[in-house]
């Protein structure tokens, strides 16, 4: 009985690990998500602040640059934090 239980547990662990590996995406997924967030941000600015498309087009490069710098800063502090631990 224990042997069957061990076999079932090991099968479940192996298949769970394989499905977790299959869900990993590459850099393309991150770029797609970043573009999706930027599109949602653009729509939010137009809707909530009542900005025109031209005003949002002028503002988005500044906001995108700010987000890129914020992300780069976060990544650098993340690697530094790993070294400290």
Protein backbone atom coordinates (compact mmCIF):
# COMPACT_ATOMS: atom_id res chain seq x y z
CA UNK A 1 0.00 0.00 0.00
CA UNK A 2 2.82 2.39 0.89
CA UNK A 3 4.56 1.54 -2.35
CA UNK A 4 1.51 2.52 -4.40
CA UNK A 5 1.21 5.74 -2.43
CA UNK A 6 4.88 6.58 -3.07
CA UNK A 7 4.48 5.86 -6.78
CA UNK A 8 1.38 8.06 -7.03
CA UNK A 9 3.05 10.91 -5.14
CA UNK A 10 6.14 10.78 -7.33
CA UNK A 11 4.02 10.76 -10.50
CA UNK A 12 2.08 13.78 -9.27
CA UNK A 13 5.27 15.64 -8.40
CA UNK A 14 6.85 14.89 -11.77
CA UNK A 15 3.81 15.94 -13.79
CA UNK A 16 3.37 19.06 -11.67
CA UNK A 17 6.97 20.05 -12.31
CA UNK A 18 6.61 19.51 -16.03
CA UNK A 19 3.50 21.64 -16.26
CA UNK A 20 5.21 24.41 -14.30
CA UNK A 21 8.12 24.36 -16.73
CA UNK A 22 5.77 24.53 -19.71
CA UNK A 23 4.20 27.77 -18.45
CA UNK A 24 7.44 29.76 -18.55
CA UNK A 25 7.51 32.32 -21.32
CA UNK A 26 10.37 34.11 -22.95
CA UNK A 27 11.23 37.76 -23.36
CA UNK A 28 8.51 38.11 -26.00
CA UNK A 29 5.86 37.52 -23.35
CA UNK A 30 7.31 40.30 -21.20
CA UNK A 31 7.34 42.70 -24.15
CA UNK A 32 3.74 41.81 -24.99
CA UNK A 33 2.66 42.42 -21.40
CA UNK A 34 4.53 45.73 -21.27
CA UNK A 35 2.81 46.88 -24.47
CA UNK A 36 -0.56 45.79 -23.11
CA UNK A 37 0.01 47.78 -19.90
CA UNK A 38 1.05 50.84 -21.91
CA UNK A 39 -2.09 50.59 -24.04
CA UNK A 40 -4.24 50.31 -20.91
CA UNK A 41 -2.45 53.30 -19.39
CA UNK A 42 -3.11 55.31 -22.55
CA UNK A 43 -6.81 54.43 -22.46
CA UNK A 44 -6.98 55.27 -18.74
CA UNK A 45 -5.46 58.71 -19.30
CA UNK A 46 -7.90 59.47 -22.09
CA UNK A 47 -10.89 58.26 -20.09
CA UNK A 48 -10.14 59.53 -16.57
CA UNK A 49 -8.31 62.78 -17.37
CA UNK A 50 -10.39 63.56 -20.47
CA UNK A 51 -7.28 64.07 -22.57
CA UNK A 52 -7.42 64.10 -26.33
CA UNK A 53 -5.52 61.56 -28.40
CA UNK A 54 -2.97 64.20 -29.36
CA UNK A 55 -2.34 65.16 -25.76
CA UNK A 56 -1.90 61.54 -24.75
CA UNK A 57 0.43 60.96 -27.71
CA UNK A 58 2.59 63.85 -26.51
CA UNK A 59 2.58 62.60 -22.91
CA UNK A 60 3.18 58.88 -23.50
CA UNK A 61 6.89 59.09 -24.49
CA UNK A 62 7.63 60.86 -21.21
CA UNK A 63 5.66 58.31 -19.18
CA UNK A 64 7.23 55.39 -21.06
CA UNK A 65 10.72 56.75 -20.40
CA UNK A 66 9.85 57.16 -16.72
CA UNK A 67 8.57 53.58 -16.55
CA UNK A 68 11.68 52.25 -18.31
CA UNK A 69 13.96 54.07 -15.87
CA UNK A 70 11.90 52.94 -12.89
CA UNK A 71 12.03 49.34 -14.11
CA UNK A 72 15.81 49.52 -14.67
CA UNK A 73 16.27 50.94 -11.17
CA UNK A 74 14.11 48.20 -9.69
CA UNK A 75 16.12 45.52 -11.53
CA UNK A 76 19.42 46.95 -10.30
CA UNK A 77 18.25 47.06 -6.69
CA UNK A 78 16.87 43.54 -7.00
CA UNK A 79 20.27 42.14 -7.99
CA UNK A 80 21.93 44.18 -5.24
CA UNK A 81 19.45 42.81 -2.72
CA UNK A 82 20.28 39.27 -3.77
CA UNK A 83 23.98 39.92 -3.16
CA UNK A 84 23.29 41.32 0.31
CA UNK A 85 21.25 38.30 1.36
